[in-house]
Protein backbone atom coordinates (compact mmCIF):
# COMPACT_ATOMS: atom_id res chain seq x y z
CA MET A 1 87.59 59.94 122.16
CA LYS A 2 90.11 61.69 119.09
CA VAL A 3 89.77 59.53 116.04
CA PHE A 4 93.01 59.24 114.53
CA ARG A 5 93.90 58.95 110.93
CA LYS A 6 95.00 55.72 109.24
CA ASN A 7 98.64 55.15 109.88
CA SER A 8 100.27 55.30 106.25
CA ALA A 9 103.82 56.66 106.62
CA VAL A 10 107.07 54.98 107.96
CA PRO A 11 109.01 56.36 110.96
CA GLY A 12 112.11 57.26 108.58
CA LEU A 13 113.65 59.92 111.14
CA LEU A 14 113.25 57.86 114.37
CA GLY A 15 116.93 56.53 114.51
CA LEU A 16 118.13 60.12 113.50
CA ALA A 17 116.00 61.71 116.11
CA MET A 18 117.63 59.58 118.80
CA VAL A 19 121.05 59.94 117.71
CA ALA A 20 120.60 63.75 117.81
CA ALA A 21 118.98 63.52 121.27
CA ALA A 22 122.08 61.25 122.62
CA THR A 23 124.41 63.97 121.22
CA LEU A 24 122.44 66.87 123.14
CA GLY A 25 122.57 64.80 126.35
CA LEU A 26 118.91 64.06 126.08
CA SER A 27 118.69 60.52 126.29
CA GLY A 28 116.98 60.59 129.74
CA ILE A 29 114.11 62.43 128.40
CA THR A 30 113.52 61.26 124.77
CA THR A 31 113.22 57.43 125.06
CA GLY A 32 109.71 57.30 126.86
CA CYS A 33 110.38 59.03 130.07
CA SER A 34 109.18 55.99 131.75
CA SER A 35 110.89 56.96 135.07
CA GLU A 36 108.93 60.38 135.30
CA PRO A 37 105.41 60.66 136.15
CA SER A 38 102.92 61.44 133.35
CA PRO A 39 102.29 65.09 132.83
CA PHE A 40 98.53 64.69 132.15
CA LYS A 41 95.70 62.87 134.55
CA GLU A 42 92.84 64.24 132.51
CA GLY A 43 91.91 64.41 129.01
CA ARG A 44 91.26 68.04 127.15
CA THR A 45 88.91 69.27 124.51
CA PHE A 46 90.45 71.48 122.03
CA ALA A 47 88.70 74.10 119.58
CA GLY A 48 86.40 72.23 116.88
CA ASN A 49 85.57 69.95 119.85
CA ILE A 50 88.41 67.70 119.25
CA GLN A 51 88.50 65.49 122.58
CA VAL A 52 91.75 63.83 123.34
CA ASN A 53 92.31 61.46 126.12
CA ALA A 54 95.26 61.78 128.84
CA HIS A 55 97.02 58.44 127.37
CA ASP A 56 97.35 60.23 123.92
CA LEU A 57 98.36 63.31 125.39
CA ASN A 58 101.09 61.57 127.37
CA GLN A 59 102.07 59.80 124.43
CA GLY A 60 101.98 62.99 122.39
CA TYR A 61 104.28 64.42 125.04
CA GLU A 62 106.89 61.85 124.79
CA ALA A 63 106.87 61.96 120.75
CA TYR A 64 107.28 65.83 121.18
CA MET A 65 110.27 65.42 123.26
CA LEU A 66 111.81 62.95 121.07
CA TYR A 67 111.28 65.00 117.44
CA CYS A 68 110.69 68.63 118.73
CA TYR A 69 112.05 69.59 121.82
CA ALA A 70 115.83 70.18 120.77
CA CYS A 71 114.37 73.35 118.41
CA HIS A 72 110.90 74.37 120.05
CA GLY A 73 111.97 73.67 123.93
CA GLU A 74 110.29 71.98 126.63
CA LYS A 75 108.07 74.50 127.05
CA GLY A 76 107.14 74.83 123.71
CA ASP A 77 108.35 78.44 123.54
CA GLY A 78 111.18 78.29 120.40
CA HIS A 79 114.03 78.10 122.99
CA GLY A 80 115.27 74.82 122.89
CA PRO A 81 119.13 73.93 123.21
CA SER A 82 119.71 74.04 119.28
CA SER A 83 117.45 77.27 118.89
CA TYR A 84 119.94 79.77 119.27
CA GLY A 85 122.04 79.24 116.14
CA LEU A 86 119.01 79.10 113.99
CA ARG A 87 117.56 81.41 111.88
CA PRO A 88 114.54 82.00 111.32
CA PRO A 89 113.86 80.95 114.97
CA PRO A 90 111.73 78.01 115.84
CA ARG A 91 108.03 78.56 115.97
CA ASP A 92 106.97 79.57 119.50
CA PHE A 93 103.71 77.33 120.08
CA THR A 94 102.68 79.30 123.24
CA LYS A 95 101.46 82.12 120.98
CA GLY A 96 99.09 79.69 119.06
CA ILE A 97 99.85 81.80 115.78
CA PHE A 98 100.63 79.54 112.91
CA LYS A 99 102.48 81.42 110.00
CA PHE A 100 101.64 79.04 107.12
CA ALA A 101 98.51 77.48 108.22
CA ARG A 102 95.89 79.57 106.16
CA VAL A 103 95.27 81.62 109.14
CA ARG A 104 94.02 85.45 108.43
CA SER A 105 94.31 86.91 111.60
CA SER A 106 95.45 86.18 115.07
CA ASP A 107 92.06 84.82 116.10
CA GLU A 108 91.70 81.88 113.79
CA LEU A 109 93.00 78.54 114.35
CA PRO A 110 94.35 76.13 111.91
CA HIS A 111 92.58 72.95 110.62
CA ASP A 112 94.43 69.87 111.92
CA ASP A 113 95.27 68.85 108.37
CA ASP A 114 97.35 72.16 107.98
CA LEU A 115 99.36 71.27 110.87
CA PHE A 116 99.90 67.68 109.17
CA ARG A 117 100.88 69.47 106.10
CA ILE A 118 103.44 71.51 107.60
CA VAL A 119 105.20 68.87 109.49
CA ARG A 120 104.95 66.69 106.74
CA GLY A 121 106.45 68.95 104.21
CA GLY A 122 108.87 70.99 106.22
CA LEU A 123 109.54 74.74 105.68
CA HIS A 124 112.25 74.80 103.22
CA GLY A 125 115.04 77.10 103.74
CA THR A 126 114.77 76.71 107.55
CA ALA A 127 115.54 74.11 110.18
CA MET A 128 112.06 72.58 110.00
CA LEU A 129 112.81 69.63 107.90
CA PRO A 130 110.08 67.23 106.63
CA TRP A 131 109.10 64.88 109.30
CA ASP A 132 108.32 61.02 108.10
CA ILE A 133 106.38 60.20 111.22
CA PRO A 134 103.39 57.78 111.70
CA ASP A 135 100.35 59.34 111.28
CA ILE A 136 98.83 58.27 114.58
CA GLU A 137 102.11 59.40 116.38
CA LEU A 138 101.92 62.79 114.62
CA ASP A 139 98.35 63.22 115.50
CA LYS A 140 99.27 63.01 119.10
CA VAL A 141 102.12 65.49 118.77
CA ILE A 142 99.68 68.04 116.94
CA GLN A 143 97.30 67.79 120.12
CA TYR A 144 100.23 67.81 122.59
CA ILE A 145 101.44 71.10 121.13
CA LYS A 146 97.95 72.72 121.62
CA THR A 147 98.55 72.22 125.10
CA PHE A 148 101.02 75.13 125.18
CA ALA A 149 98.56 77.76 124.18
CA PRO A 150 95.11 76.98 126.38
CA GLN A 151 94.25 80.59 125.87
CA LYS A 152 93.72 79.73 122.13
CA TRP A 153 92.73 76.16 121.67
CA GLU A 154 90.58 76.05 124.76
CA LYS A 155 89.02 79.24 124.45
CA LYS A 156 85.23 79.38 124.71
CA LYS A 157 82.55 82.10 123.45
CA LYS A 158 80.23 83.84 125.80
CA SER A 159 77.95 81.11 125.27
CA GLY A 160 80.37 78.59 126.60
CA GLU A 161 80.89 77.05 123.22
CA LEU A 162 84.46 76.22 122.46
CA VAL A 163 85.69 78.47 119.25
CA LYS A 164 86.18 76.65 115.94
CA THR A 165 88.83 75.80 113.76
CA LEU A 166 89.16 76.54 109.73
CA ASP A 167 87.47 74.09 107.65
CA ALA A 168 89.51 71.73 105.85
CA PHE A 169 90.97 72.80 102.48
CA GLU A 170 90.04 71.80 98.74
CA ALA A 171 91.15 73.77 96.05
CA PRO A 172 88.56 74.25 93.32
CA PRO A 173 89.40 73.01 89.57
CA ASP A 174 92.13 74.77 87.76
CA PRO A 175 90.54 76.70 84.74
CA TRP A 176 94.18 77.01 83.16
CA ALA A 177 94.61 73.28 82.59
CA GLY A 178 95.68 72.96 78.79
CA LYS A 179 95.76 76.81 78.29
CA LEU A 180 98.93 77.16 80.77
CA ALA A 181 100.61 79.88 78.45
CA ASP A 182 97.64 81.95 79.02
CA GLY A 183 97.23 81.36 82.36
CA ILE A 184 101.00 82.42 83.01
CA GLN A 185 100.70 85.56 81.04
CA ARG A 186 97.47 86.37 83.07
CA GLY A 187 99.25 85.80 86.12
CA LYS A 188 102.22 87.92 85.06
CA GLU A 189 99.61 90.94 84.54
CA LEU A 190 98.31 90.29 88.06
CA TYR A 191 101.43 89.80 89.84
CA HIS A 192 103.22 93.12 88.82
CA LEU A 193 99.93 95.09 88.37
CA ARG A 194 96.72 94.47 90.10
CA ALA A 195 98.06 92.44 92.98
CA GLU A 196 101.17 94.55 93.52
CA CYS A 197 103.22 91.59 94.40
CA MET A 198 106.24 93.44 93.02
CA ASN A 199 105.86 96.13 95.86
CA CYS A 200 107.52 93.59 98.41
CA HIS A 201 108.75 90.73 96.00
CA PRO A 202 111.23 91.58 93.07
CA ALA A 203 109.75 92.35 89.36
CA TYR A 204 110.79 90.30 86.92
CA ASP A 205 110.84 92.26 83.49
CA THR A 206 112.35 95.34 82.55
CA LYS A 207 110.92 98.77 83.55
CA GLU A 208 109.93 99.56 79.98
CA ALA A 209 108.20 96.30 79.18
CA LEU A 210 106.22 96.47 82.60
CA TYR A 211 105.18 99.85 81.71
CA LYS A 212 103.78 98.66 78.20
CA MET A 213 102.20 95.73 79.67
CA SER A 214 100.46 97.98 82.18
CA VAL A 215 99.03 100.59 79.06
CA ASP A 216 97.90 97.35 77.35
CA ALA A 217 96.14 95.91 80.26
CA ALA A 218 94.43 99.19 81.19
CA ALA A 219 93.27 99.59 77.80
CA LYS A 220 91.75 96.21 77.89
CA GLU A 221 90.49 96.24 81.53
CA PRO A 222 90.09 99.70 82.77
CA GLU A 223 88.23 98.43 85.58
CA ASN A 224 90.85 96.20 86.79
CA PHE A 225 94.35 97.71 85.75
CA LYS A 226 95.62 101.04 85.23
CA ALA A 227 99.53 102.21 83.91
CA ILE A 228 102.31 102.23 85.95
CA GLY A 229 103.08 105.77 87.51
CA GLY A 230 106.28 104.93 88.93
CA PHE A 231 108.55 102.22 90.35
CA ARG A 232 110.27 101.72 93.85
CA GLU A 233 113.95 102.41 94.27
CA ASP A 234 115.06 99.03 93.74
CA PRO A 235 112.53 97.17 92.22
CA TYR A 236 114.28 93.89 91.61
CA GLY A 237 115.05 93.29 95.56
CA SER A 238 112.86 92.30 98.25
CA VAL A 239 111.59 94.38 100.61
CA ALA A 240 112.26 93.17 104.46
CA LYS A 241 108.89 93.47 106.57
CA ASP A 242 108.76 94.03 110.16
CA SER A 243 106.73 91.36 112.12
CA PRO A 244 105.85 92.56 115.71
CA GLU A 245 104.05 88.83 116.19
CA TYR A 246 107.22 86.94 115.64
CA GLY A 247 109.60 89.64 116.82
CA VAL A 248 111.85 89.31 113.57
CA LYS A 249 112.22 90.86 110.11
CA LEU A 250 110.90 88.81 107.22
CA LEU A 251 112.06 88.85 103.74
CA PRO A 252 109.64 87.99 100.92
CA PRO A 253 111.28 85.47 98.57
CA ASP A 254 112.73 86.00 95.08
CA PHE A 255 110.99 83.25 93.27
CA THR A 256 113.87 82.69 91.14
CA PHE A 257 116.25 82.14 93.89
CA HIS A 258 114.62 81.25 97.27
CA LYS A 259 112.89 78.21 97.85
CA VAL A 260 109.35 79.06 98.82
CA ARG A 261 108.77 77.89 102.56
CA SER A 262 105.47 76.08 102.36
CA VAL A 263 105.37 74.87 98.71
CA CYS A 264 105.43 70.88 98.54
CA GLN A 265 108.85 69.70 97.11
CA VAL A 266 108.75 66.97 94.79
CA GLY A 267 109.87 63.75 96.75
CA SER A 268 109.09 64.76 100.32
CA PRO A 269 107.14 62.85 102.62
CA ARG A 270 104.00 64.79 101.96
CA CYS A 271 103.99 64.76 98.33
CA ARG A 272 104.26 61.00 97.98
CA THR A 273 101.44 58.22 97.79
CA ALA A 274 102.10 54.98 98.83
CA ASP A 275 103.36 54.06 95.24
CA GLY A 276 105.66 56.98 95.21
CA GLU A 277 103.71 59.11 92.91
CA THR A 278 103.55 63.00 93.60
CA ALA A 279 100.18 63.71 95.76
CA LYS A 280 99.97 67.26 95.60
CA THR A 281 101.49 69.46 93.05
CA GLN A 282 103.28 72.88 93.87
CA VAL A 283 100.67 74.77 91.87
CA GLU A 284 97.83 73.66 94.23
CA ASP A 285 100.31 74.77 97.30
CA LEU A 286 100.84 78.19 95.51
CA PHE A 287 97.11 78.48 95.04
CA ARG A 288 96.46 77.99 98.91
CA LEU A 289 99.24 80.16 99.51
CA ILE A 290 97.87 83.12 97.61
CA SER A 291 94.44 82.47 98.74
CA PHE A 292 94.96 82.55 102.26
CA GLY A 293 98.08 84.63 102.58
CA VAL A 294 100.91 84.38 105.18
CA TYR A 295 99.73 86.12 108.53
CA PRO A 296 100.70 88.58 109.37
CA ILE A 297 102.95 89.72 106.32
CA MET A 298 101.15 88.60 102.94
CA PRO A 299 97.65 89.24 102.41
CA ALA A 300 95.01 86.99 101.58
CA TRP A 301 93.56 87.29 97.96
CA LYS A 302 90.53 84.65 98.54
CA GLY A 303 87.43 86.78 98.40
CA ALA A 304 89.64 90.01 98.67
CA GLY A 305 89.60 91.33 94.91
CA LEU A 306 90.44 88.17 93.05
CA SER A 307 88.51 85.20 91.57
CA ASP A 308 89.60 81.86 91.87
CA SER A 309 90.63 81.65 88.13
CA ASP A 310 92.99 84.81 88.73
CA ILE A 311 94.59 83.29 91.85
CA TRP A 312 95.27 80.04 89.62
CA ALA A 313 96.95 82.38 87.13
CA LEU A 314 99.10 83.80 89.84
CA ALA A 315 100.25 80.35 90.82
CA HIS A 316 101.02 79.08 87.51
CA TYR A 317 103.30 82.29 87.16
CA VAL A 318 104.71 82.08 90.12
CA LYS A 319 105.52 78.39 89.58
CA SER A 320 107.20 79.39 86.21
CA LEU A 321 109.67 81.90 88.13
CA MET A 322 110.45 78.99 90.39
CA ASP A 323 111.13 76.82 87.52
CA LEU A 324 113.92 79.33 86.84
CA ARG A 325 115.96 78.99 89.96
CA ASP A 326 119.49 77.57 89.09
CA THR A 327 119.07 77.62 85.33
CA PRO A 328 120.80 79.18 82.48
CA GLU A 329 117.46 81.08 81.63
CA GLY A 330 117.16 82.43 85.10
CA ALA A 331 120.73 83.81 84.96
CA ALA A 332 120.03 85.35 81.60
CA LEU A 333 116.77 86.76 83.00
CA LYS A 334 118.95 88.36 85.82
CA ALA A 335 121.61 89.79 83.48
CA LYS A 336 118.91 91.27 81.31
CA LEU A 337 117.35 93.03 84.21
CA GLY A 338 120.74 94.05 85.36
CA SER A 339 122.03 95.46 82.20
CA GLN A 340 118.86 97.48 80.88
CA GLY A 341 119.22 100.99 80.21
CA GLY A 342 117.40 104.05 82.06
CA PHE A 343 113.81 104.31 81.53
CA VAL A 344 111.61 107.57 82.23
CA ILE A 345 107.69 107.01 82.27
CA PRO A 346 106.23 109.11 79.57
CA ALA A 347 104.18 112.05 80.61
CA PRO A 348 100.31 111.04 80.60
CA ALA A 349 98.74 111.95 77.38
CA PRO A 350 96.21 114.96 78.01
CA THR A 351 92.52 113.77 78.60
CA ALA A 352 89.93 115.25 75.87
CA GLU A 353 88.92 117.94 78.23
CA GLU A 354 92.54 118.90 78.26
CA LYS A 355 92.52 119.09 74.43
CA LYS A 356 89.79 121.13 74.00
CA GLU A 357 90.97 124.82 73.26
CA PRO A 358 90.13 127.47 75.90
CA PRO A 359 87.40 129.81 74.71
CA PRO A 360 88.87 133.42 73.66
CA ALA A 361 89.34 135.72 76.43
CA GLU A 362 86.70 138.63 76.75
CA GLU A 363 87.41 142.46 75.77
CA PRO A 364 87.24 144.48 79.06
CA LYS A 365 83.97 146.45 78.86
CA LYS A 366 84.32 150.48 78.50
CA ASP A 367 83.58 152.33 81.77
CA ALA A 368 79.84 153.58 81.53
CA GLU A 369 79.49 157.42 81.44
CA LYS A 370 78.87 158.59 85.04
CA LYS A 371 75.49 159.65 85.59
CA PRO A 372 74.62 162.33 88.18
CA VAL A 373 73.56 160.88 91.33
CA GLU A 374 69.95 161.65 92.09
CA LYS A 375 69.42 162.65 95.56
CA LYS A 376 66.46 161.04 97.31
CA ASP A 377 63.60 162.58 98.61
CA GLY A 378 63.74 164.16 102.00
CA GLU A 379 67.92 164.52 101.69
CA LYS A 380 68.82 167.74 102.76
CA LYS A 381 71.13 169.94 100.84
CA LYS A 382 74.42 170.91 102.53
CA ALA A 383 74.75 174.64 103.42
CA PRO A 384 77.35 176.53 101.42
CA ALA A 385 80.64 177.15 103.57
CA PRO A 386 80.52 181.02 104.85
CA ALA A 387 82.62 183.44 102.89
CA PRO A 388 85.98 184.18 104.69
CA VAL A 389 86.01 187.76 106.78
CA PRO A 390 88.69 190.11 105.96
CA THR A 391 90.88 191.21 108.74
CA GLY A 392 92.97 194.24 109.09
């Protein structure tokens, strides 16, 4: 039997959802479906050995039709009646792939807490708003959503055992607490150099300043950094990426302009405790995001070349960029980058080997005097040619 979380939220969007349903002419299917037979007669067991009975699945179905149907559709394929005007399009649950849920491949499945986080916090800049649904009801919706992709959530190993989900996430301690300026500077170096974030996201300093920073960093830590050898054509714009899994192009955010999709916004339901205090910080969300990436576009850095300390530094630097959004300081930075003069990366300094003078060229040796060729023993002498015979 599924053990549900303690109910700690208030159904703040229930009335709004019912109004939207009535507007779409869906009142017959969004107010309990009492006249229709229940779709589930038996319970299901999902990845991670989560057991859900038929009653809870049916309640999850009814809540899904109330809150989620308009965008995600009755079949969970992202083709609800409101989906055709939405960009980016709603998630297709039948694929069992969750972009912001810490998965690193299409074979991984998120922990329920990750799905809770997404629904609670929403995805900023999209039609996926934060939903203030009671925990017990939301848990049933999440279990019902899993029924759209049984090939993933009910998949079994060769042994017959169900596949597992990710473990619950808990961020390690932040080593830059009390040293924020140092953490931001370290993060700036990592962002533009080792992690190469500016290959997809914008750069946030002049070309000359970035080159000098790279030279200094390479001198201090040659094992981790190297001098910049060139810039892409537009280093201050984002590069759109193909996404065959989702069927659309994805544009990495400019952190001084766009909202970051899965980062907690202060005041949203997920970021509030019962007494109204912020429960989770944006920096912690950024740490999680950088650690596990955004499948399949953004790589995961945890266990892949960056320490937890460096990931925290990157999170602090990105947060400092987010804080520039809609500020005079952010506008001044954009103006500075747009008005910078031309910069050519200097030719690399010669190495120690290259500095060595080449040895003097050797004078050509004179041809040795030719000695008569001695004939080997047994070699026959050639007979002289016969004298010409006079004629006439």
